[in-house]
Every structure is written in structure tokens, then in C-alpha cells.
Amino acid sequence: MAFMSSVRTIIAPSILAADFARIGSAIETAEQAGVDWIHLDVMDGHFVPNLTFGPKMVADIRKLTELPLDVHLMVNNPGELLDAYIDAGADFLSFHVEAETHVHRVIQRIRSAGCRPGVAIVPSTPIGALSCVLSDIDLALVMTVNPGFGGQTLVEECLRKAEALREERSNIGASFLIEADGGVNPKTAARCRHAGFDVLVAGSAVFGASDTERAVMQLRTASLESSTSVDDT
């Protein structure tokens, strides 16, 4: 599986927006539309005000696709749940720094298990919370909406976080990807990419569209408007 891309924006639709009764069909349609990853938002009803699914859903989806599974843990005490999601087949496993005291330890555990570690922040958390671990991660996930529910409007301030992360990545010679999660659609994709996001998580913009292939193409086309300037940095 190829994860890194310095040329093409990575499109990672969030399965949360799909019809769970037809999850296999939704993934097949997304694959045929040319998506790059599948994003899975795990919510525990405590860290965020919603409850989604657990490791069995990840394991079941793992059987349906060879695309990288990008698992985003929006849970309290993520360190206690790592093994279940790694065993379920996560390729990328991200957790929130707001929910974990021993951030370095959790990153090391994820990587030692053969999974790619990511750290996430909500809109109100400054990127300084990630500064000590940027050299140790494969993914910096910036929540671009307040987490918990899909279909929200992108928080503009989060674009500046991507700009700062891109600059810091260059300064320290790191290679982590920067991911936008929330409020991504054809109208915001170009701005996200221009700000420095490499990975665009889109839920309702993909799975809520009447034509999934066209929706993915629109995201791809919109992001290409600024990809040259981003990739050359």
C-alpha cells in the first residue's frame, strides 16, 4: 500500500457519512470513484458528543478493501484501546493529544506494532501542543470542525494551523502528512490544499452525493487548483 504522495492530494472519505446498512456497497463505490484512503471516525460518546462504532467495524471493513484504513480515535484514554484497533487492521491510527497524558508513549506503541501513528487536535487546541512529537509521527490531523457530527462548516482558523504545520515540517525536515478533517467539500478543498493540507477527509461531500465518482472528481479538481504551489514548498 502506498501512503505518501508529494503530487496528488489524498482523498479520504469518512465512512461515518455512509449508509451503515450498505457499507460494502459504499466502499466499493468509493473505490471505483478513485478515493485514496478510507477514514473511520471512532467516537465514544464521552470525548465527543456522539457514539459511532468500535473495532469490529474496522475489522469488517478491512475485509472489504485493500485501501489504507485511516482510523481516528475520538475517545478518552486512547492508550487503552490501541491494540484492538491495530489488530482490526488500521494502517494509520490517530489519537487526540487532549485525551492522552503520555503522548510519546502511545506514538511509540503504535509504531512498534507496525501501524503509522498520528496525533490529532480539535479546533481550540493550538499546534504548539504537537511541537514535541512532530518528528515522531506520520500524520498530523487537524479537526477543521468541532468534532462529533458530520455536515458542519469548516472553521477558518484551522487553515492557518495547516500553514504553520507545513512551515514547521519544512524547518525540522519531517515528512508527516497534514490532514483536514471536517467541512471539506468542493468549495473548500482548494483552500485546504493551498493552506498545506495533504489529506482531505470528506464525509457527506462524498457519501452524501448522488454521484460519488463526480463528487470525488470535484474534490480532486478543486484541490489541483493550488497543488502546484503547495507541493513545491
C-alpha atoms as a PDB file:
ATOM      1  CA  MET A   1       0.000   0.000   0.000  1.00  0.00           C
ATOM      2  CA  ALA A   2       1.315   3.434  -0.890  1.00  0.00           C
ATOM      3  CA  PHE A   3       0.707   6.127   1.691  1.00  0.00           C
ATOM      4  CA  MET A   4       2.841   9.127   0.795  1.00  0.00           C
ATOM      5  CA  SER A   5       2.186  11.416  -2.136  1.00  0.00           C
ATOM      6  CA  SER A   6       4.004  14.631  -2.936  1.00  0.00           C
ATOM      7  CA  VAL A   7       1.907  15.276  -6.033  1.00  0.00           C
ATOM      8  CA  ARG A   8      -1.708  14.204  -5.625  1.00  0.00           C
ATOM      9  CA  THR A   9      -3.969  15.247  -2.808  1.00  0.00           C
ATOM     10  CA  ILE A  10      -5.089  12.248  -0.764  1.00  0.00           C
ATOM     11  CA  ILE A  11      -8.889  11.944  -0.663  1.00  0.00           C
ATOM     12  CA  ALA A  12     -10.079  10.031   2.407  1.00  0.00           C
ATOM     13  CA  PRO A  13     -13.872   9.829   2.647  1.00  0.00           C
ATOM     14  CA  SER A  14     -15.272   9.360   6.142  1.00  0.00           C
ATOM     15  CA  ILE A  15     -17.337   6.193   6.382  1.00  0.00           C
ATOM     16  CA  LEU A  16     -19.383   7.911   9.096  1.00  0.00           C
ATOM     17  CA  ALA A  17     -21.413   9.577   6.343  1.00  0.00           C
ATOM     18  CA  ALA A  18     -22.170   6.301   4.552  1.00  0.00           C
ATOM     19  CA  ASP A  19     -25.261   4.131   4.949  1.00  0.00           C
ATOM     20  CA  PHE A  20     -24.156   1.524   7.502  1.00  0.00           C
ATOM     21  CA  ALA A  21     -26.755  -0.916   6.172  1.00  0.00           C
ATOM     22  CA  ARG A  22     -24.967  -0.833   2.807  1.00  0.00           C
ATOM     23  CA  ILE A  23     -21.395  -0.352   3.957  1.00  0.00           C
ATOM     24  CA  GLY A  24     -19.900  -2.825   1.484  1.00  0.00           C
ATOM     25  CA  SER A  25     -21.600  -1.144  -1.444  1.00  0.00           C
ATOM     26  CA  ALA A  26     -20.499   2.286  -0.191  1.00  0.00           C
ATOM     27  CA  ILE A  27     -16.858   1.242  -0.018  1.00  0.00           C
ATOM     28  CA  GLU A  28     -16.983  -0.401  -3.424  1.00  0.00           C
ATOM     29  CA  THR A  29     -18.483   2.761  -4.905  1.00  0.00           C
ATOM     30  CA  ALA A  30     -15.820   4.904  -3.229  1.00  0.00           C
ATOM     31  CA  GLU A  31     -13.058   2.667  -4.575  1.00  0.00           C
ATOM     32  CA  GLN A  32     -14.456   2.861  -8.087  1.00  0.00           C
ATOM     33  CA  ALA A  33     -14.618   6.652  -7.722  1.00  0.00           C
ATOM     34  CA  GLY A  34     -10.865   6.731  -7.105  1.00  0.00           C
ATOM     35  CA  VAL A  35     -10.541   7.598  -3.422  1.00  0.00           C
ATOM     36  CA  ASP A  36      -7.161   7.019  -1.789  1.00  0.00           C
ATOM     37  CA  TRP A  37      -7.973   6.046   1.807  1.00  0.00           C
ATOM     38  CA  ILE A  38     -10.986   5.187   3.922  1.00  0.00           C
ATOM     39  CA  HIS A  39     -11.344   7.340   7.045  1.00  0.00           C
ATOM     40  CA  LEU A  40     -13.007   5.867  10.130  1.00  0.00           C
ATOM     41  CA  ASP A  41     -14.154   8.176  12.924  1.00  0.00           C
ATOM     42  CA  VAL A  42     -14.354   6.309  16.227  1.00  0.00           C
ATOM     43  CA  MET A  43     -16.346   8.242  18.854  1.00  0.00           C
ATOM     44  CA  ASP A  44     -17.053   7.086  22.396  1.00  0.00           C
ATOM     45  CA  GLY A  45     -19.825   9.486  23.442  1.00  0.00           C
ATOM     46  CA  HIS A  46     -17.526  10.979  26.093  1.00  0.00           C
ATOM     47  CA  PHE A  47     -14.628  12.732  24.392  1.00  0.00           C
ATOM     48  CA  VAL A  48     -17.106  13.938  21.775  1.00  0.00           C
ATOM     49  CA  PRO A  49     -20.916  14.093  21.990  1.00  0.00           C
ATOM     50  CA  ASN A  50     -21.609  11.190  19.662  1.00  0.00           C
ATOM     51  CA  LEU A  51     -21.236   7.417  19.585  1.00  0.00           C
ATOM     52  CA  THR A  52     -20.220   5.649  16.380  1.00  0.00           C
ATOM     53  CA  PHE A  53     -18.586   2.216  16.171  1.00  0.00           C
ATOM     54  CA  GLY A  54     -15.800   0.069  17.539  1.00  0.00           C
ATOM     55  CA  PRO A  55     -13.019  -2.232  16.332  1.00  0.00           C
ATOM     56  CA  LYS A  56     -15.397  -4.778  14.785  1.00  0.00           C
ATOM     57  CA  MET A  57     -16.488  -2.230  12.190  1.00  0.00           C
ATOM     58  CA  VAL A  58     -12.844  -1.577  11.346  1.00  0.00           C
ATOM     59  CA  ALA A  59     -12.158  -5.316  11.095  1.00  0.00           C
ATOM     60  CA  ASP A  60     -15.184  -5.875   8.875  1.00  0.00           C
ATOM     61  CA  ILE A  61     -14.196  -3.015   6.571  1.00  0.00           C
ATOM     62  CA  ARG A  62     -10.639  -4.364   6.460  1.00  0.00           C
ATOM     63  CA  LYS A  63     -12.048  -7.488   4.793  1.00  0.00           C
ATOM     64  CA  LEU A  64     -13.739  -5.388   2.111  1.00  0.00           C
ATOM     65  CA  THR A  65     -10.891  -3.224   0.853  1.00  0.00           C
ATOM     66  CA  GLU A  66      -7.140  -3.012   0.406  1.00  0.00           C
ATOM     67  CA  LEU A  67      -7.208   0.777   0.655  1.00  0.00           C
ATOM     68  CA  PRO A  68      -5.366   2.211   3.655  1.00  0.00           C
ATOM     69  CA  LEU A  69      -7.639   2.500   6.688  1.00  0.00           C
ATOM     70  CA  ASP A  70      -7.199   5.830   8.455  1.00  0.00           C
ATOM     71  CA  VAL A  71      -8.610   5.322  11.962  1.00  0.00           C
ATOM     72  CA  HIS A  72      -9.265   8.452  14.022  1.00  0.00           C
ATOM     73  CA  LEU A  73      -9.818   7.780  17.728  1.00  0.00           C
ATOM     74  CA  MET A  74     -12.000  10.475  19.275  1.00  0.00           C
ATOM     75  CA  VAL A  75     -12.090   8.749  22.639  1.00  0.00           C
ATOM     76  CA  ASN A  76     -10.978   9.175  26.207  1.00  0.00           C
ATOM     77  CA  ASN A  77      -7.987   7.068  27.271  1.00  0.00           C
ATOM     78  CA  PRO A  78      -6.958   6.078  23.727  1.00  0.00           C
ATOM     79  CA  GLY A  79      -3.913   4.230  25.021  1.00  0.00           C
ATOM     80  CA  GLU A  80      -6.204   1.568  26.451  1.00  0.00           C
ATOM     81  CA  LEU A  81      -7.785   0.878  23.049  1.00  0.00           C
ATOM     82  CA  LEU A  82      -4.793   0.776  20.713  1.00  0.00           C
ATOM     83  CA  ASP A  83      -4.379  -2.980  20.443  1.00  0.00           C
ATOM     84  CA  ALA A  84      -7.992  -3.548  19.425  1.00  0.00           C
ATOM     85  CA  TYR A  85      -7.778  -1.142  16.501  1.00  0.00           C
ATOM     86  CA  ILE A  86      -4.318  -2.228  15.416  1.00  0.00           C
ATOM     87  CA  ASP A  87      -5.474  -5.855  15.419  1.00  0.00           C
ATOM     88  CA  ALA A  88      -8.573  -4.808  13.473  1.00  0.00           C
ATOM     89  CA  GLY A  89      -6.389  -3.664  10.596  1.00  0.00           C
ATOM     90  CA  ALA A  90      -5.788   0.084  10.956  1.00  0.00           C
ATOM     91  CA  ASP A  91      -2.986   1.417   8.760  1.00  0.00           C
ATOM     92  CA  PHE A  92      -2.945   4.902  10.243  1.00  0.00           C
ATOM     93  CA  LEU A  93      -4.052   5.290  13.855  1.00  0.00           C
ATOM     94  CA  SER A  94      -4.555   8.811  15.201  1.00  0.00           C
ATOM     95  CA  PHE A  95      -5.478   9.867  18.720  1.00  0.00           C
ATOM     96  CA  HIS A  96      -6.119  13.216  20.375  1.00  0.00           C
ATOM     97  CA  VAL A  97      -3.434  14.898  22.433  1.00  0.00           C
ATOM     98  CA  GLU A  98      -6.242  16.414  24.527  1.00  0.00           C
ATOM     99  CA  ALA A  99      -7.216  12.903  25.658  1.00  0.00           C
ATOM    100  CA  GLU A 100      -3.808  11.418  26.414  1.00  0.00           C
ATOM    101  CA  THR A 101      -1.174  12.345  29.004  1.00  0.00           C
ATOM    102  CA  HIS A 102       1.610  10.106  27.714  1.00  0.00           C
ATOM    103  CA  VAL A 103       1.618  11.121  24.066  1.00  0.00           C
ATOM    104  CA  HIS A 104       5.133   9.904  23.214  1.00  0.00           C
ATOM    105  CA  ARG A 105       4.461   6.512  24.762  1.00  0.00           C
ATOM    106  CA  VAL A 106       1.306   5.999  22.729  1.00  0.00           C
ATOM    107  CA  ILE A 107       3.048   7.026  19.495  1.00  0.00           C
ATOM    108  CA  GLN A 108       5.833   4.535  20.190  1.00  0.00           C
ATOM    109  CA  ARG A 109       3.336   1.755  20.899  1.00  0.00           C
ATOM    110  CA  ILE A 110       1.508   2.396  17.631  1.00  0.00           C
ATOM    111  CA  ARG A 111       4.693   2.377  15.590  1.00  0.00           C
ATOM    112  CA  SER A 112       6.166  -0.664  17.311  1.00  0.00           C
ATOM    113  CA  ALA A 113       3.016  -2.575  16.360  1.00  0.00           C
ATOM    114  CA  GLY A 114       3.637  -1.808  12.680  1.00  0.00           C
ATOM    115  CA  CYS A 115       0.991   0.891  12.391  1.00  0.00           C
ATOM    116  CA  ARG A 116       1.532   4.516  11.361  1.00  0.00           C
ATOM    117  CA  PRO A 117       0.953   6.931  14.271  1.00  0.00           C
ATOM    118  CA  GLY A 118      -0.978  10.155  14.015  1.00  0.00           C
ATOM    119  CA  VAL A 119      -1.876  12.866  16.500  1.00  0.00           C
ATOM    120  CA  ALA A 120      -4.997  14.990  16.335  1.00  0.00           C
ATOM    121  CA  ILE A 121      -6.164  18.310  17.740  1.00  0.00           C
ATOM    122  CA  VAL A 122      -9.580  19.942  17.983  1.00  0.00           C
ATOM    123  CA  PRO A 123     -10.080  23.498  16.646  1.00  0.00           C
ATOM    124  CA  SER A 124      -9.487  25.126  20.028  1.00  0.00           C
ATOM    125  CA  THR A 125      -6.096  23.443  20.569  1.00  0.00           C
ATOM    126  CA  PRO A 126      -3.021  25.333  19.297  1.00  0.00           C
ATOM    127  CA  ILE A 127      -0.493  23.473  17.167  1.00  0.00           C
ATOM    128  CA  GLY A 128       2.076  24.057  19.894  1.00  0.00           C
ATOM    129  CA  ALA A 129       0.546  21.013  21.576  1.00  0.00           C
ATOM    130  CA  LEU A 130       2.118  18.927  18.807  1.00  0.00           C
ATOM    131  CA  SER A 131       5.541  20.556  18.664  1.00  0.00           C
ATOM    132  CA  CYS A 132       7.341  17.909  20.742  1.00  0.00           C
ATOM    133  CA  VAL A 133       6.125  14.987  18.634  1.00  0.00           C
ATOM    134  CA  LEU A 134       6.174  16.231  15.042  1.00  0.00           C
ATOM    135  CA  SER A 135       9.372  14.333  14.294  1.00  0.00           C
ATOM    136  CA  ASP A 136       7.825  11.105  15.578  1.00  0.00           C
ATOM    137  CA  ILE A 137       4.552  10.928  13.664  1.00  0.00           C
ATOM    138  CA  ASP A 138       3.318  10.100  10.181  1.00  0.00           C
ATOM    139  CA  LEU A 139       0.137  12.157  10.357  1.00  0.00           C
ATOM    140  CA  ALA A 140      -0.925  15.452  11.959  1.00  0.00           C
ATOM    141  CA  LEU A 141      -4.719  15.557  11.971  1.00  0.00           C
ATOM    142  CA  VAL A 142      -6.336  18.961  12.371  1.00  0.00           C
ATOM    143  CA  MET A 143     -10.038  18.918  13.176  1.00  0.00           C
ATOM    144  CA  THR A 144     -11.440  21.599  10.915  1.00  0.00           C
ATOM    145  CA  VAL A 145     -14.829  21.449  12.618  1.00  0.00           C
ATOM    146  CA  ASN A 146     -15.792  20.884  16.231  1.00  0.00           C
ATOM    147  CA  PRO A 147     -15.828  17.082  16.466  1.00  0.00           C
ATOM    148  CA  GLY A 148     -18.879  14.948  16.992  1.00  0.00           C
ATOM    149  CA  PHE A 149     -21.111  15.338  13.959  1.00  0.00           C
ATOM    150  CA  GLY A 150     -20.792  15.490  10.186  1.00  0.00           C
ATOM    151  CA  GLY A 151     -22.018  18.143   7.794  1.00  0.00           C
ATOM    152  CA  GLN A 152     -20.521  21.125   9.630  1.00  0.00           C
ATOM    153  CA  THR A 153     -18.910  24.276   8.225  1.00  0.00           C
ATOM    154  CA  LEU A 154     -15.126  24.471   8.139  1.00  0.00           C
ATOM    155  CA  VAL A 155     -13.543  26.595  10.897  1.00  0.00           C
ATOM    156  CA  GLU A 156     -11.445  29.180   9.060  1.00  0.00           C
ATOM    157  CA  GLU A 157      -8.776  29.485  11.773  1.00  0.00           C
ATOM    158  CA  CYS A 158      -7.787  25.878  11.138  1.00  0.00           C
ATOM    159  CA  LEU A 159      -6.407  26.804   7.727  1.00  0.00           C
ATOM    160  CA  ARG A 160      -3.735  28.855   9.471  1.00  0.00           C
ATOM    161  CA  LYS A 161      -2.845  25.806  11.546  1.00  0.00           C
ATOM    162  CA  ALA A 162      -2.069  23.914   8.356  1.00  0.00           C
ATOM    163  CA  GLU A 163       0.132  26.760   7.156  1.00  0.00           C
ATOM    164  CA  ALA A 164       2.065  26.715  10.423  1.00  0.00           C
ATOM    165  CA  LEU A 165       2.415  22.931  10.407  1.00  0.00           C
ATOM    166  CA  ARG A 166       3.691  22.975   6.836  1.00  0.00           C
ATOM    167  CA  GLU A 167       6.299  25.566   7.758  1.00  0.00           C
ATOM    168  CA  GLU A 168       7.361  23.623  10.846  1.00  0.00           C
ATOM    169  CA  ARG A 169       7.565  20.396   8.831  1.00  0.00           C
ATOM    170  CA  SER A 170       9.969  22.088   6.450  1.00  0.00           C
ATOM    171  CA  ASN A 171      12.004  23.621   9.287  1.00  0.00           C
ATOM    172  CA  ILE A 172      12.602  20.309  11.055  1.00  0.00           C
ATOM    173  CA  GLY A 173      12.919  18.190   7.911  1.00  0.00           C
ATOM    174  CA  ALA A 174       9.997  15.953   8.821  1.00  0.00           C
ATOM    175  CA  SER A 175       7.699  14.079   6.425  1.00  0.00           C
ATOM    176  CA  PHE A 176       4.397  13.739   8.268  1.00  0.00           C
ATOM    177  CA  LEU A 177       1.205  14.329   6.316  1.00  0.00           C
ATOM    178  CA  ILE A 178      -1.214  17.087   7.348  1.00  0.00           C
ATOM    179  CA  GLU A 179      -4.865  16.076   7.364  1.00  0.00           C
ATOM    180  CA  ALA A 180      -8.029  18.204   7.335  1.00  0.00           C
ATOM    181  CA  ASP A 181     -10.999  16.513   8.967  1.00  0.00           C
ATOM    182  CA  GLY A 182     -14.347  18.263   8.678  1.00  0.00           C
ATOM    183  CA  GLY A 183     -16.101  20.750   6.444  1.00  0.00           C
ATOM    184  CA  VAL A 184     -14.269  19.609   3.322  1.00  0.00           C
ATOM    185  CA  ASN A 185     -16.224  19.910   0.081  1.00  0.00           C
ATOM    186  CA  PRO A 186     -15.549  21.150  -3.474  1.00  0.00           C
ATOM    187  CA  LYS A 187     -15.891  24.744  -2.274  1.00  0.00           C
ATOM    188  CA  THR A 188     -13.278  24.407   0.490  1.00  0.00           C
ATOM    189  CA  ALA A 189     -10.894  21.798  -0.981  1.00  0.00           C
ATOM    190  CA  ALA A 190      -8.724  24.290  -2.877  1.00  0.00           C
ATOM    191  CA  ARG A 191      -8.307  26.498   0.185  1.00  0.00           C
ATOM    192  CA  CYS A 192      -7.431  23.489   2.342  1.00  0.00           C
ATOM    193  CA  ARG A 193      -4.828  22.315  -0.119  1.00  0.00           C
ATOM    194  CA  HIS A 194      -3.382  25.795  -0.545  1.00  0.00           C
ATOM    195  CA  ALA A 195      -3.071  26.123   3.249  1.00  0.00           C
ATOM    196  CA  GLY A 196      -0.969  22.968   3.358  1.00  0.00           C
ATOM    197  CA  PHE A 197      -3.293  20.036   3.925  1.00  0.00           C
ATOM    198  CA  ASP A 198      -2.141  16.868   2.159  1.00  0.00           C
ATOM    199  CA  VAL A 199      -5.097  14.684   3.161  1.00  0.00           C
ATOM    200  CA  LEU A 200      -8.722  15.783   2.819  1.00  0.00           C
ATOM    201  CA  VAL A 201     -11.355  13.936   4.832  1.00  0.00           C
ATOM    202  CA  ALA A 202     -14.769  14.424   3.266  1.00  0.00           C
ATOM    203  CA  GLY A 203     -17.874  12.722   4.581  1.00  0.00           C
ATOM    204  CA  SER A 204     -21.192  13.979   3.315  1.00  0.00           C
ATOM    205  CA  ALA A 205     -19.475  15.563   0.277  1.00  0.00           C
ATOM    206  CA  VAL A 206     -18.690  12.034  -0.928  1.00  0.00           C
ATOM    207  CA  PHE A 207     -21.141   9.569   0.593  1.00  0.00           C
ATOM    208  CA  GLY A 208     -23.990  12.058   0.598  1.00  0.00           C
ATOM    209  CA  ALA A 209     -23.566  12.844  -3.092  1.00  0.00           C
ATOM    210  CA  SER A 210     -25.914  11.420  -5.710  1.00  0.00           C
ATOM    211  CA  ASP A 211     -22.914  10.731  -7.953  1.00  0.00           C
ATOM    212  CA  THR A 212     -19.916   9.593  -5.878  1.00  0.00           C
ATOM    213  CA  GLU A 213     -17.486   9.494  -8.791  1.00  0.00           C
ATOM    214  CA  ARG A 214     -18.368  13.037  -9.780  1.00  0.00           C
ATOM    215  CA  ALA A 215     -18.075  14.188  -6.158  1.00  0.00           C
ATOM    216  CA  VAL A 216     -14.576  12.737  -5.821  1.00  0.00           C
ATOM    217  CA  MET A 217     -13.580  14.245  -9.165  1.00  0.00           C
ATOM    218  CA  GLN A 218     -14.809  17.650  -7.990  1.00  0.00           C
ATOM    219  CA  LEU A 219     -12.715  17.384  -4.822  1.00  0.00           C
ATOM    220  CA  ARG A 220      -9.697  16.290  -6.827  1.00  0.00           C
ATOM    221  CA  THR A 221     -10.116  19.060  -9.394  1.00  0.00           C
ATOM    222  CA  ALA A 222     -10.635  21.718  -6.741  1.00  0.00           C
ATOM    223  CA  SER A 223      -7.530  20.658  -4.837  1.00  0.00           C
ATOM    224  CA  LEU A 224      -5.464  20.718  -8.025  1.00  0.00           C
ATOM    225  CA  GLU A 225      -6.082  24.451  -8.310  1.00  0.00           C
ATOM    226  CA  SER A 226      -3.435  25.042  -5.686  1.00  0.00           C
ATOM    227  CA  SER A 227      -1.493  21.772  -5.627  1.00  0.00           C
ATOM    228  CA  THR A 228       1.492  23.094  -7.545  1.00  0.00           C
ATOM    229  CA  SER A 229       2.200  25.883  -5.086  1.00  0.00           C
ATOM    230  CA  VAL A 230       1.781  23.504  -2.138  1.00  0.00           C
ATOM    231  CA  ASP A 231       3.885  20.671  -3.482  1.00  0.00           C
ATOM    232  CA  ASP A 232       6.756  22.992  -4.359  1.00  0.00           C
ATOM    233  CA  THR A 233       7.202  24.118  -0.756  1.00  0.00           C
END
